[in-house]
Amino acid sequence: MKQPCVSGMRWFLRHHEQGSDYQPLLDALVEADRVGDAVWLLAQFGPTNEIRVVDSIDAQAVVFAGRLEVRGNINVDTVLHTGRTIRAHGAIIAGTSITCGGDLIAGAGIQCGGAIESGEGISAQWGVEAAGVIRTRSDLRCGWSIVCREGIYIGGNCLAGHDIEVTGPIVCGKGIRAGHAITGRDVIRAGHGIDGGAEILCENHLEANWGIRARVDIAAYGAIRAGESLQTGGEIRAGQGHAIYAGLNVRVEEWESSARVSAKSKPERLLSGWWCNT
């Protein structure tokens, strides 16, 4: 049941006693510094097919029910919230949160002082940085680095041209790939494989249903579990009291071809997989 707060209802009756169309009401709420009420209204009544095309946005907050197309940059002090896709040919910057029902697409970078949430995918030609959680139902892709202070939860792939550095968990429905290092201060878990262009460092358990590969070291404070192979040009190290497992999703007789473990030296506590010197 759609029940607004008492103060919001009073505001509406005082300023729009004759009623109002949906988007003009959202705009009026934002203009009156009632951003929370605008976000609540959008959550209750959902997105529209309206498209707003502008040259640039420099605002305190934006709550738009449809699709937002911006030829330049988006710079919002607090909340950027749309019912459908946000596309900017330049950068997208928000102080508090970024939420969209469709794709979030930037021709430059994406930066947020809070959480970023997309109903589809997130794509940036430059980097993606968030002080809060990053969530998307599809892929997270960027040409530079991904930096997140709380955690990323992705339904698809997580792909970065440079580093991936996350203070919280990294949980992906598909694969994780970075041109340089992958660093997670909590669990790193991939439904497919994990591929690091430098080291992979995890301060909890490191898990992939497919293989894990790094050009330098693969190290975790917890266990290392791979459904297929483990490959690195450096060392493979699990945490104290934890073990290393390869080939968890492969038949034992297929380990030699599909669950190979290769590193500079044989890892301690390697409990499954086919060890081979590099």
C-alpha atoms as a PDB file:
ATOM      1  CA  MET A   1       0.000   0.000   0.000  1.00  0.00           C
ATOM      2  CA  LYS A   2       1.401   3.385  -1.015  1.00  0.00           C
ATOM      3  CA  GLN A   3       1.394   5.521   2.145  1.00  0.00           C
ATOM      4  CA  PRO A   4       3.468   8.719   2.181  1.00  0.00           C
ATOM      5  CA  CYS A   5       4.789  10.195   5.414  1.00  0.00           C
ATOM      6  CA  VAL A   6       2.626  12.753   7.188  1.00  0.00           C
ATOM      7  CA  SER A   7       4.910  15.691   6.398  1.00  0.00           C
ATOM      8  CA  GLY A   8       5.070  14.666   2.749  1.00  0.00           C
ATOM      9  CA  MET A   9       1.283  14.488   2.501  1.00  0.00           C
ATOM     10  CA  ARG A  10       0.938  17.902   4.118  1.00  0.00           C
ATOM     11  CA  TRP A  11       3.448  19.367   1.698  1.00  0.00           C
ATOM     12  CA  PHE A  12       1.599  17.881  -1.269  1.00  0.00           C
ATOM     13  CA  LEU A  13      -1.809  19.197  -0.124  1.00  0.00           C
ATOM     14  CA  ARG A  14      -0.339  22.618   0.553  1.00  0.00           C
ATOM     15  CA  HIS A  15       1.469  22.987  -2.773  1.00  0.00           C
ATOM     16  CA  HIS A  16      -0.454  20.728  -5.179  1.00  0.00           C
ATOM     17  CA  GLU A  17      -4.001  20.583  -3.887  1.00  0.00           C
ATOM     18  CA  GLN A  18      -5.280  20.392  -7.494  1.00  0.00           C
ATOM     19  CA  GLY A  19      -3.058  17.406  -8.182  1.00  0.00           C
ATOM     20  CA  SER A  20       0.056  17.128 -10.340  1.00  0.00           C
ATOM     21  CA  ASP A  21       1.584  15.044 -13.106  1.00  0.00           C
ATOM     22  CA  TYR A  22       4.190  12.499 -12.055  1.00  0.00           C
ATOM     23  CA  GLN A  23       7.502  13.968 -13.255  1.00  0.00           C
ATOM     24  CA  PRO A  24       6.600  17.609 -12.476  1.00  0.00           C
ATOM     25  CA  LEU A  25       5.798  16.455  -8.951  1.00  0.00           C
ATOM     26  CA  LEU A  26       9.196  14.719  -8.655  1.00  0.00           C
ATOM     27  CA  ASP A  27      10.882  17.911  -9.889  1.00  0.00           C
ATOM     28  CA  ALA A  28       8.908  20.026  -7.417  1.00  0.00           C
ATOM     29  CA  LEU A  29       9.859  17.760  -4.517  1.00  0.00           C
ATOM     30  CA  VAL A  30      13.543  17.996  -5.412  1.00  0.00           C
ATOM     31  CA  GLU A  31      13.247  21.778  -5.815  1.00  0.00           C
ATOM     32  CA  ALA A  32      11.687  21.949  -2.328  1.00  0.00           C
ATOM     33  CA  ASP A  33      14.614  19.927  -0.915  1.00  0.00           C
ATOM     34  CA  ARG A  34      12.354  16.925  -0.304  1.00  0.00           C
ATOM     35  CA  VAL A  35      14.616  14.496  -2.171  1.00  0.00           C
ATOM     36  CA  GLY A  36      13.752  11.577   0.101  1.00  0.00           C
ATOM     37  CA  ASP A  37      10.056  12.009  -0.720  1.00  0.00           C
ATOM     38  CA  ALA A  38      10.874  12.113  -4.450  1.00  0.00           C
ATOM     39  CA  VAL A  39      12.872   8.877  -4.195  1.00  0.00           C
ATOM     40  CA  TRP A  40      10.033   7.264  -2.219  1.00  0.00           C
ATOM     41  CA  LEU A  41       7.484   8.331  -4.869  1.00  0.00           C
ATOM     42  CA  LEU A  42       9.625   6.909  -7.674  1.00  0.00           C
ATOM     43  CA  ALA A  43      10.003   3.621  -5.789  1.00  0.00           C
ATOM     44  CA  GLN A  44       6.224   3.395  -5.359  1.00  0.00           C
ATOM     45  CA  PHE A  45       5.083   4.313  -8.887  1.00  0.00           C
ATOM     46  CA  GLY A  46       8.042   3.061 -10.902  1.00  0.00           C
ATOM     47  CA  PRO A  47       9.763   4.209 -14.098  1.00  0.00           C
ATOM     48  CA  THR A  48       8.345   5.884 -17.185  1.00  0.00           C
ATOM     49  CA  ASN A  49       9.449   5.872 -20.832  1.00  0.00           C
ATOM     50  CA  GLU A  50      10.141   9.613 -20.831  1.00  0.00           C
ATOM     51  CA  ILE A  51      13.557  10.652 -22.177  1.00  0.00           C
ATOM     52  CA  ARG A  52      15.289  13.817 -20.986  1.00  0.00           C
ATOM     53  CA  VAL A  53      18.199  15.019 -23.159  1.00  0.00           C
ATOM     54  CA  VAL A  54      20.385  17.890 -21.888  1.00  0.00           C
ATOM     55  CA  ASP A  55      23.848  19.302 -22.524  1.00  0.00           C
ATOM     56  CA  SER A  56      25.047  18.912 -18.910  1.00  0.00           C
ATOM     57  CA  ILE A  57      23.779  18.655 -15.345  1.00  0.00           C
ATOM     58  CA  ASP A  58      25.064  20.600 -12.347  1.00  0.00           C
ATOM     59  CA  ALA A  59      22.498  20.269  -9.579  1.00  0.00           C
ATOM     60  CA  GLN A  60      21.887  19.619  -5.901  1.00  0.00           C
ATOM     61  CA  ALA A  61      19.936  16.424  -6.683  1.00  0.00           C
ATOM     62  CA  VAL A  62      18.203  14.708  -9.612  1.00  0.00           C
ATOM     63  CA  VAL A  63      15.239  12.322  -9.400  1.00  0.00           C
ATOM     64  CA  PHE A  64      13.899  11.431 -12.849  1.00  0.00           C
ATOM     65  CA  ALA A  65      11.476   8.615 -13.650  1.00  0.00           C
ATOM     66  CA  GLY A  66      12.665   7.960 -17.196  1.00  0.00           C
ATOM     67  CA  ARG A  67      15.889   7.794 -19.216  1.00  0.00           C
ATOM     68  CA  LEU A  68      18.546  10.493 -18.798  1.00  0.00           C
ATOM     69  CA  GLU A  69      20.801  11.390 -21.760  1.00  0.00           C
ATOM     70  CA  VAL A  70      23.554  13.960 -21.143  1.00  0.00           C
ATOM     71  CA  ARG A  71      25.915  15.240 -23.836  1.00  0.00           C
ATOM     72  CA  GLY A  72      28.524  16.353 -21.280  1.00  0.00           C
ATOM     73  CA  ASN A  73      29.096  15.803 -17.558  1.00  0.00           C
ATOM     74  CA  ILE A  74      26.729  15.038 -14.690  1.00  0.00           C
ATOM     75  CA  ASN A  75      27.691  16.673 -11.383  1.00  0.00           C
ATOM     76  CA  VAL A  76      25.191  16.206  -8.544  1.00  0.00           C
ATOM     77  CA  ASP A  77      25.857  17.223  -4.937  1.00  0.00           C
ATOM     78  CA  THR A  78      23.718  14.505  -3.366  1.00  0.00           C
ATOM     79  CA  VAL A  79      21.324  11.999  -5.011  1.00  0.00           C
ATOM     80  CA  LEU A  80      21.247  10.958  -8.669  1.00  0.00           C
ATOM     81  CA  HIS A  81      18.275   8.607  -9.128  1.00  0.00           C
ATOM     82  CA  THR A  82      16.469   7.581 -12.315  1.00  0.00           C
ATOM     83  CA  GLY A  83      13.880   4.990 -13.222  1.00  0.00           C
ATOM     84  CA  ARG A  84      15.745   3.915 -16.330  1.00  0.00           C
ATOM     85  CA  THR A  85      19.193   4.329 -17.981  1.00  0.00           C
ATOM     86  CA  ILE A  86      21.672   7.120 -17.253  1.00  0.00           C
ATOM     87  CA  ARG A  87      24.046   7.872 -20.120  1.00  0.00           C
ATOM     88  CA  ALA A  88      26.613  10.678 -20.048  1.00  0.00           C
ATOM     89  CA  HIS A  89      29.233  11.353 -22.711  1.00  0.00           C
ATOM     90  CA  GLY A  90      31.428  12.825 -19.970  1.00  0.00           C
ATOM     91  CA  ALA A  91      31.852  12.034 -16.269  1.00  0.00           C
ATOM     92  CA  ILE A  92      29.169  11.096 -13.746  1.00  0.00           C
ATOM     93  CA  ILE A  93      29.747  12.412 -10.209  1.00  0.00           C
ATOM     94  CA  ALA A  94      27.354  12.267  -7.240  1.00  0.00           C
ATOM     95  CA  GLY A  95      27.951  13.089  -3.587  1.00  0.00           C
ATOM     96  CA  THR A  96      25.541  10.678  -1.878  1.00  0.00           C
ATOM     97  CA  SER A  97      24.282   7.931  -4.206  1.00  0.00           C
ATOM     98  CA  ILE A  98      23.721   6.896  -7.808  1.00  0.00           C
ATOM     99  CA  THR A  99      20.738   4.657  -8.596  1.00  0.00           C
ATOM    100  CA  CYS A 100      19.240   3.792 -11.969  1.00  0.00           C
ATOM    101  CA  GLY A 101      16.768   1.211 -13.180  1.00  0.00           C
ATOM    102  CA  GLY A 102      18.676   0.575 -16.420  1.00  0.00           C
ATOM    103  CA  ASP A 103      22.315   0.879 -17.501  1.00  0.00           C
ATOM    104  CA  LEU A 104      24.748   3.383 -16.017  1.00  0.00           C
ATOM    105  CA  ILE A 105      27.085   4.533 -18.801  1.00  0.00           C
ATOM    106  CA  ALA A 106      29.838   7.181 -18.721  1.00  0.00           C
ATOM    107  CA  GLY A 107      32.150   8.383 -21.487  1.00  0.00           C
ATOM    108  CA  ALA A 108      34.658   9.305 -18.771  1.00  0.00           C
ATOM    109  CA  GLY A 109      34.676   8.204 -15.108  1.00  0.00           C
ATOM    110  CA  ILE A 110      32.035   7.456 -12.476  1.00  0.00           C
ATOM    111  CA  GLN A 111      32.564   8.712  -8.922  1.00  0.00           C
ATOM    112  CA  CYS A 112      30.217   8.541  -5.960  1.00  0.00           C
ATOM    113  CA  GLY A 113      30.499   9.442  -2.279  1.00  0.00           C
ATOM    114  CA  GLY A 114      28.089   6.625  -1.432  1.00  0.00           C
ATOM    115  CA  ALA A 115      26.555   3.586  -3.096  1.00  0.00           C
ATOM    116  CA  ILE A 116      26.117   2.909  -6.816  1.00  0.00           C
ATOM    117  CA  GLU A 117      23.264   0.659  -7.921  1.00  0.00           C
ATOM    118  CA  SER A 118      22.251  -0.233 -11.469  1.00  0.00           C
ATOM    119  CA  GLY A 119      19.307  -2.325 -12.605  1.00  0.00           C
ATOM    120  CA  GLU A 120      21.311  -3.462 -15.643  1.00  0.00           C
ATOM    121  CA  GLY A 121      25.065  -2.858 -16.203  1.00  0.00           C
ATOM    122  CA  ILE A 122      27.720  -0.255 -15.365  1.00  0.00           C
ATOM    123  CA  SER A 123      30.217   0.939 -17.960  1.00  0.00           C
ATOM    124  CA  ALA A 124      32.861   3.690 -17.811  1.00  0.00           C
ATOM    125  CA  GLN A 125      35.606   4.581 -20.258  1.00  0.00           C
ATOM    126  CA  TRP A 126      37.724   5.717 -17.302  1.00  0.00           C
ATOM    127  CA  GLY A 127      37.514   4.457 -13.701  1.00  0.00           C
ATOM    128  CA  VAL A 128      34.709   3.689 -11.265  1.00  0.00           C
ATOM    129  CA  GLU A 129      35.038   4.806  -7.628  1.00  0.00           C
ATOM    130  CA  ALA A 130      32.493   4.481  -4.822  1.00  0.00           C
ATOM    131  CA  ALA A 131      32.614   5.054  -1.072  1.00  0.00           C
ATOM    132  CA  GLY A 132      29.647   2.704  -0.650  1.00  0.00           C
ATOM    133  CA  VAL A 133      28.555  -0.608  -2.152  1.00  0.00           C
ATOM    134  CA  ILE A 134      28.427  -1.149  -5.917  1.00  0.00           C
ATOM    135  CA  ARG A 135      25.576  -3.378  -7.140  1.00  0.00           C
ATOM    136  CA  THR A 136      24.564  -4.251 -10.680  1.00  0.00           C
ATOM    137  CA  ARG A 137      22.504  -7.055 -12.207  1.00  0.00           C
ATOM    138  CA  SER A 138      24.773  -7.329 -15.253  1.00  0.00           C
ATOM    139  CA  ASP A 139      28.427  -6.423 -16.002  1.00  0.00           C
ATOM    140  CA  LEU A 140      30.673  -3.826 -14.388  1.00  0.00           C
ATOM    141  CA  ARG A 141      33.211  -2.654 -16.974  1.00  0.00           C
ATOM    142  CA  CYS A 142      35.744   0.181 -16.960  1.00  0.00           C
ATOM    143  CA  GLY A 143      38.875   1.161 -18.858  1.00  0.00           C
ATOM    144  CA  TRP A 144      40.818   2.180 -15.757  1.00  0.00           C
ATOM    145  CA  SER A 145      40.521   1.027 -12.117  1.00  0.00           C
ATOM    146  CA  ILE A 146      37.616   0.017  -9.891  1.00  0.00           C
ATOM    147  CA  VAL A 147      37.948   1.320  -6.322  1.00  0.00           C
ATOM    148  CA  CYS A 148      35.237   0.548  -3.778  1.00  0.00           C
ATOM    149  CA  ARG A 149      35.325   0.965   0.008  1.00  0.00           C
ATOM    150  CA  GLU A 150      32.481  -1.372   0.970  1.00  0.00           C
ATOM    151  CA  GLY A 151      31.943  -4.199  -1.528  1.00  0.00           C
ATOM    152  CA  ILE A 152      30.806  -5.051  -5.041  1.00  0.00           C
ATOM    153  CA  TYR A 153      27.998  -7.444  -5.922  1.00  0.00           C
ATOM    154  CA  ILE A 154      27.696  -8.115  -9.645  1.00  0.00           C
ATOM    155  CA  GLY A 155      25.367 -10.422 -11.526  1.00  0.00           C
ATOM    156  CA  GLY A 156      27.664 -10.617 -14.559  1.00  0.00           C
ATOM    157  CA  ASN A 157      31.381  -9.930 -15.169  1.00  0.00           C
ATOM    158  CA  CYS A 158      33.685  -7.512 -13.359  1.00  0.00           C
ATOM    159  CA  LEU A 159      36.232  -6.178 -15.860  1.00  0.00           C
ATOM    160  CA  ALA A 160      38.844  -3.436 -15.289  1.00  0.00           C
ATOM    161  CA  GLY A 161      41.664  -2.262 -17.529  1.00  0.00           C
ATOM    162  CA  HIS A 162      43.873  -1.567 -14.511  1.00  0.00           C
ATOM    163  CA  ASP A 163      43.377  -2.480 -10.817  1.00  0.00           C
ATOM    164  CA  ILE A 164      40.405  -3.754  -8.848  1.00  0.00           C
ATOM    165  CA  GLU A 165      40.667  -2.647  -5.210  1.00  0.00           C
ATOM    166  CA  VAL A 166      37.771  -3.342  -2.852  1.00  0.00           C
ATOM    167  CA  THR A 167      37.683  -3.010   0.933  1.00  0.00           C
ATOM    168  CA  GLY A 168      34.662  -5.329   1.277  1.00  0.00           C
ATOM    169  CA  PRO A 169      33.606  -8.505  -0.573  1.00  0.00           C
ATOM    170  CA  ILE A 170      33.885  -9.021  -4.324  1.00  0.00           C
ATOM    171  CA  VAL A 171      31.034 -11.280  -5.426  1.00  0.00           C
ATOM    172  CA  CYS A 172      30.453 -11.874  -9.155  1.00  0.00           C
ATOM    173  CA  GLY A 173      27.992 -14.124 -10.924  1.00  0.00           C
ATOM    174  CA  LYS A 174      30.457 -14.558 -13.802  1.00  0.00           C
ATOM    175  CA  GLY A 175      34.162 -13.697 -14.192  1.00  0.00           C
ATOM    176  CA  ILE A 176      36.587 -11.205 -12.637  1.00  0.00           C
ATOM    177  CA  ARG A 177      39.398  -9.803 -14.786  1.00  0.00           C
ATOM    178  CA  ALA A 178      41.847  -6.953 -14.215  1.00  0.00           C
ATOM    179  CA  GLY A 179      44.755  -5.678 -16.310  1.00  0.00           C
ATOM    180  CA  HIS A 180      46.784  -5.251 -13.125  1.00  0.00           C
ATOM    181  CA  ALA A 181      46.208  -6.352  -9.502  1.00  0.00           C
ATOM    182  CA  ILE A 182      43.026  -7.615  -7.841  1.00  0.00           C
ATOM    183  CA  THR A 183      42.869  -6.784  -4.122  1.00  0.00           C
ATOM    184  CA  GLY A 184      39.968  -7.696  -1.833  1.00  0.00           C
ATOM    185  CA  ARG A 185      39.854  -6.997   1.917  1.00  0.00           C
ATOM    186  CA  ASP A 186      37.184  -9.681   2.295  1.00  0.00           C
ATOM    187  CA  VAL A 187      36.036 -12.717   0.312  1.00  0.00           C
ATOM    188  CA  ILE A 188      36.552 -12.802  -3.465  1.00  0.00           C
ATOM    189  CA  ARG A 189      34.083 -15.114  -5.197  1.00  0.00           C
ATOM    190  CA  ALA A 190      33.442 -15.655  -8.924  1.00  0.00           C
ATOM    191  CA  GLY A 191      30.856 -17.835 -10.623  1.00  0.00           C
ATOM    192  CA  HIS A 192      33.294 -18.247 -13.539  1.00  0.00           C
ATOM    193  CA  GLY A 193      37.070 -17.536 -13.455  1.00  0.00           C
ATOM    194  CA  ILE A 194      39.419 -14.941 -11.938  1.00  0.00           C
ATOM    195  CA  ASP A 195      42.241 -13.439 -14.031  1.00  0.00           C
ATOM    196  CA  GLY A 196      44.728 -10.887 -12.666  1.00  0.00           C
ATOM    197  CA  GLY A 197      47.349  -9.080 -14.736  1.00  0.00           C
ATOM    198  CA  ALA A 198      49.529  -8.787 -11.622  1.00  0.00           C
ATOM    199  CA  GLU A 199      48.900 -10.297  -8.176  1.00  0.00           C
ATOM    200  CA  ILE A 200      45.622 -11.489  -6.665  1.00  0.00           C
ATOM    201  CA  LEU A 201      45.481 -10.688  -2.937  1.00  0.00           C
ATOM    202  CA  CYS A 202      42.502 -11.685  -0.780  1.00  0.00           C
ATOM    203  CA  GLU A 203      42.078 -11.137   2.968  1.00  0.00           C
ATOM    204  CA  ASN A 204      39.469 -13.890   3.262  1.00  0.00           C
ATOM    205  CA  HIS A 205      38.564 -16.907   1.104  1.00  0.00           C
ATOM    206  CA  LEU A 206      39.365 -16.815  -2.628  1.00  0.00           C
ATOM    207  CA  GLU A 207      36.917 -18.861  -4.700  1.00  0.00           C
ATOM    208  CA  ALA A 208      36.142 -19.451  -8.401  1.00  0.00           C
ATOM    209  CA  ASN A 209      33.984 -22.101 -10.060  1.00  0.00           C
ATOM    210  CA  TRP A 210      36.383 -22.076 -13.029  1.00  0.00           C
ATOM    211  CA  GLY A 211      40.133 -21.357 -12.875  1.00  0.00           C
ATOM    212  CA  ILE A 212      42.230 -18.698 -11.137  1.00  0.00           C
ATOM    213  CA  ARG A 213      45.198 -17.126 -12.924  1.00  0.00           C
ATOM    214  CA  ALA A 214      47.638 -14.358 -11.987  1.00  0.00           C
ATOM    215  CA  ARG A 215      50.871 -13.066 -13.521  1.00  0.00           C
ATOM    216  CA  VAL A 216      52.437 -12.601 -10.074  1.00  0.00           C
ATOM    217  CA  ASP A 217      51.274 -14.165  -6.752  1.00  0.00           C
ATOM    218  CA  ILE A 218      47.945 -15.657  -5.706  1.00  0.00           C
ATOM    219  CA  ALA A 219      47.575 -15.153  -1.946  1.00  0.00           C
ATOM    220  CA  ALA A 220      44.694 -15.400   0.518  1.00  0.00           C
ATOM    221  CA  TYR A 221      44.301 -15.178   4.287  1.00  0.00           C
ATOM    222  CA  GLY A 222      41.684 -17.931   4.027  1.00  0.00           C
ATOM    223  CA  ALA A 223      41.345 -20.925   1.695  1.00  0.00           C
ATOM    224  CA  ILE A 224      41.898 -20.905  -2.066  1.00  0.00           C
ATOM    225  CA  ARG A 225      39.315 -22.922  -3.997  1.00  0.00           C
ATOM    226  CA  ALA A 226      39.233 -23.313  -7.774  1.00  0.00           C
ATOM    227  CA  GLY A 227      36.802 -25.430  -9.745  1.00  0.00           C
ATOM    228  CA  GLU A 228      39.472 -25.974 -12.414  1.00  0.00           C
ATOM    229  CA  SER A 229      43.136 -24.838 -12.645  1.00  0.00           C
ATOM    230  CA  LEU A 230      45.381 -22.555 -10.564  1.00  0.00           C
ATOM    231  CA  GLN A 231      48.127 -20.810 -12.550  1.00  0.00           C
ATOM    232  CA  THR A 232      50.624 -18.102 -11.611  1.00  0.00           C
ATOM    233  CA  GLY A 233      54.111 -16.957 -12.442  1.00  0.00           C
ATOM    234  CA  GLY A 234      54.738 -16.405  -8.719  1.00  0.00           C
ATOM    235  CA  GLU A 235      53.675 -18.185  -5.551  1.00  0.00           C
ATOM    236  CA  ILE A 236      50.341 -19.575  -4.356  1.00  0.00           C
ATOM    237  CA  ARG A 237      49.717 -19.087  -0.610  1.00  0.00           C
ATOM    238  CA  ALA A 238      46.694 -19.806   1.562  1.00  0.00           C
ATOM    239  CA  GLY A 239      46.196 -18.440   5.077  1.00  0.00           C
ATOM    240  CA  GLN A 240      47.447 -20.076   8.242  1.00  0.00           C
ATOM    241  CA  GLY A 241      45.462 -23.242   8.886  1.00  0.00           C
ATOM    242  CA  HIS A 242      43.775 -23.122   5.475  1.00  0.00           C
ATOM    243  CA  ALA A 243      44.347 -25.229   2.352  1.00  0.00           C
ATOM    244  CA  ILE A 244      44.465 -24.885  -1.431  1.00  0.00           C
ATOM    245  CA  TYR A 245      42.091 -26.773  -3.704  1.00  0.00           C
ATOM    246  CA  ALA A 246      42.018 -27.065  -7.494  1.00  0.00           C
ATOM    247  CA  GLY A 247      39.793 -29.226  -9.659  1.00  0.00           C
ATOM    248  CA  LEU A 248      36.807 -29.117  -7.328  1.00  0.00           C
ATOM    249  CA  ASN A 249      34.443 -29.149 -10.317  1.00  0.00           C
ATOM    250  CA  VAL A 250      36.486 -31.609 -12.407  1.00  0.00           C
ATOM    251  CA  ARG A 251      36.617 -35.412 -12.307  1.00  0.00           C
ATOM    252  CA  VAL A 252      39.845 -36.700 -10.746  1.00  0.00           C
ATOM    253  CA  GLU A 253      40.890 -38.516 -13.926  1.00  0.00           C
ATOM    254  CA  GLU A 254      40.730 -35.146 -15.762  1.00  0.00           C
ATOM    255  CA  TRP A 255      42.934 -33.228 -13.330  1.00  0.00           C
ATOM    256  CA  GLU A 256      46.054 -33.453 -15.493  1.00  0.00           C
ATOM    257  CA  SER A 257      44.395 -31.510 -18.298  1.00  0.00           C
ATOM    258  CA  SER A 258      41.751 -29.416 -16.515  1.00  0.00           C
ATOM    259  CA  ALA A 259      42.914 -28.924 -12.917  1.00  0.00           C
ATOM    260  CA  ARG A 260      46.593 -28.065 -13.289  1.00  0.00           C
ATOM    261  CA  VAL A 261      48.371 -26.182 -10.501  1.00  0.00           C
ATOM    262  CA  SER A 262      51.429 -24.259 -11.653  1.00  0.00           C
ATOM    263  CA  ALA A 263      53.638 -21.809  -9.721  1.00  0.00           C
ATOM    264  CA  LYS A 264      57.299 -21.119  -8.923  1.00  0.00           C
ATOM    265  CA  SER A 265      57.154 -23.710  -6.157  1.00  0.00           C
ATOM    266  CA  LYS A 266      54.623 -26.261  -4.981  1.00  0.00           C
ATOM    267  CA  PRO A 267      52.194 -24.598  -2.569  1.00  0.00           C
ATOM    268  CA  GLU A 268      51.942 -25.786   1.015  1.00  0.00           C
ATOM    269  CA  ARG A 269      48.718 -27.610   1.876  1.00  0.00           C
ATOM    270  CA  LEU A 270      47.743 -28.287  -1.733  1.00  0.00           C
ATOM    271  CA  LEU A 271      44.973 -30.824  -1.197  1.00  0.00           C
ATOM    272  CA  SER A 272      43.632 -31.305  -4.732  1.00  0.00           C
ATOM    273  CA  GLY A 273      44.634 -30.664  -8.339  1.00  0.00           C
ATOM    274  CA  TRP A 274      47.505 -31.741 -10.603  1.00  0.00           C
ATOM    275  CA  TRP A 275      50.799 -30.099  -9.596  1.00  0.00           C
ATOM    276  CA  CYS A 276      53.200 -29.213 -12.419  1.00  0.00           C
ATOM    277  CA  ASN A 277      56.345 -27.028 -12.312  1.00  0.00           C
ATOM    278  CA  THR A 278      56.279 -23.887 -14.485  1.00  0.00           C
END
